[in-house]
Amino acid sequence: MANTVQARKRARQAIAQRAHNMAQRSELRTAIKKVRAAIAAGDKAAASGVFQASMSVIDRIADKKIIHKNKASRHKSRLAQAIKAMA
């Protein structure tokens, strides 16, 4: 357990920051699932629209360094590839 006032405060802040990061990561996973569901439904136009919205979510979370930028790029690339293959 933290012994100093500063360490106690940092522990409290870490708990709050972790909760915020988990919520952001959950939002990312939801966005990816929405795109995959649209792809599975077979509607290319809808999938493209959902993909555009989810790209901003993915980029925003990568900019905040909640996930690595390469992981964000990999997700976007694979989703785009799956939409392109729907033709």
Protein backbone atom coordinates (compact mmCIF):
# COMPACT_ATOMS: atom_id res chain seq x y z
CA MET A 1 0.00 0.00 0.00
CA ALA A 2 1.12 3.54 -0.74
CA ASN A 3 2.71 5.24 2.26
CA THR A 4 3.05 8.87 1.20
CA VAL A 5 0.28 11.33 0.39
CA GLN A 6 1.61 11.66 -3.16
CA ALA A 7 1.66 7.89 -3.67
CA ARG A 8 -1.89 7.56 -2.36
CA LYS A 9 -3.07 10.23 -4.77
CA ARG A 10 -1.29 8.56 -7.69
CA ALA A 11 -2.96 5.25 -6.75
CA ARG A 12 -6.39 6.95 -6.79
CA GLN A 13 -5.64 8.57 -10.13
CA ALA A 14 -4.43 5.27 -11.57
CA ILE A 15 -7.74 3.60 -10.69
CA ALA A 16 -9.73 6.36 -12.40
CA GLN A 17 -7.47 6.35 -15.46
CA ARG A 18 -7.68 2.57 -15.77
CA ALA A 19 -11.49 2.73 -15.72
CA HIS A 20 -11.43 5.39 -18.43
CA ASN A 21 -9.01 3.39 -20.59
CA MET A 22 -11.13 0.24 -20.22
CA ALA A 23 -14.21 2.17 -21.37
CA GLN A 24 -12.31 3.48 -24.40
CA ARG A 25 -11.05 -0.01 -25.25
CA SER A 26 -14.60 -1.33 -24.97
CA GLU A 27 -15.78 1.37 -27.38
CA LEU A 28 -13.06 0.24 -29.82
CA ARG A 29 -14.14 -3.40 -29.62
CA THR A 30 -17.78 -2.43 -30.14
CA ALA A 31 -16.90 -0.40 -33.24
CA ILE A 32 -14.97 -3.34 -34.72
CA LYS A 33 -17.83 -5.73 -33.96
CA LYS A 34 -20.31 -3.42 -35.71
CA VAL A 35 -18.21 -3.47 -38.88
CA ARG A 36 -17.82 -7.25 -38.75
CA ALA A 37 -21.59 -7.64 -38.27
CA ALA A 38 -22.26 -5.40 -41.30
CA ILE A 39 -19.80 -7.47 -43.35
CA ALA A 40 -21.50 -10.69 -42.23
CA ALA A 41 -24.89 -9.26 -43.22
CA GLY A 42 -23.57 -8.87 -46.77
CA ASP A 43 -24.51 -5.23 -47.35
CA LYS A 44 -21.40 -3.59 -48.76
CA ALA A 45 -22.79 -0.03 -48.67
CA ALA A 46 -23.80 -0.35 -45.00
CA ALA A 47 -20.47 -1.96 -44.14
CA SER A 48 -18.60 0.92 -45.77
CA GLY A 49 -20.62 3.47 -43.83
CA VAL A 50 -20.07 1.74 -40.50
CA PHE A 51 -16.38 1.32 -41.36
CA GLN A 52 -15.98 5.07 -41.91
CA ALA A 53 -17.47 5.77 -38.48
CA SER A 54 -15.37 3.12 -36.78
CA MET A 55 -12.15 4.36 -38.39
CA SER A 56 -12.42 7.61 -36.46
CA VAL A 57 -12.96 5.66 -33.22
CA ILE A 58 -9.92 3.48 -33.92
CA ASP A 59 -7.73 6.49 -34.77
CA ARG A 60 -8.89 8.45 -31.74
CA ILE A 61 -8.06 5.60 -29.36
CA ALA A 62 -4.66 5.08 -31.01
CA ASP A 63 -3.90 8.81 -30.71
CA LYS A 64 -4.54 8.58 -26.97
CA LYS A 65 -2.06 5.66 -26.85
CA ILE A 66 -4.64 3.27 -25.39
CA ILE A 67 -3.69 0.88 -28.18
CA HIS A 68 -0.55 0.99 -30.31
CA LYS A 69 -0.77 2.83 -33.64
CA ASN A 70 0.33 -0.30 -35.52
CA LYS A 71 -2.49 -2.31 -33.93
CA ALA A 72 -4.96 0.37 -34.99
CA SER A 73 -3.55 0.32 -38.50
CA ARG A 74 -3.78 -3.47 -38.62
CA HIS A 75 -7.45 -3.41 -37.57
CA LYS A 76 -8.31 -0.78 -40.18
CA SER A 77 -6.43 -2.64 -42.89
CA ARG A 78 -8.08 -5.98 -42.20
CA LEU A 79 -11.56 -4.47 -42.02
CA ALA A 80 -11.00 -2.58 -45.29
CA GLN A 81 -9.70 -5.77 -46.91
CA ALA A 82 -12.79 -7.69 -45.78
CA ILE A 83 -15.11 -4.99 -47.17
CA LYS A 84 -13.22 -4.91 -50.46
CA ALA A 85 -13.52 -8.71 -50.75
CA MET A 86 -17.33 -8.49 -50.54
CA ALA A 87 -17.64 -7.64 -54.25
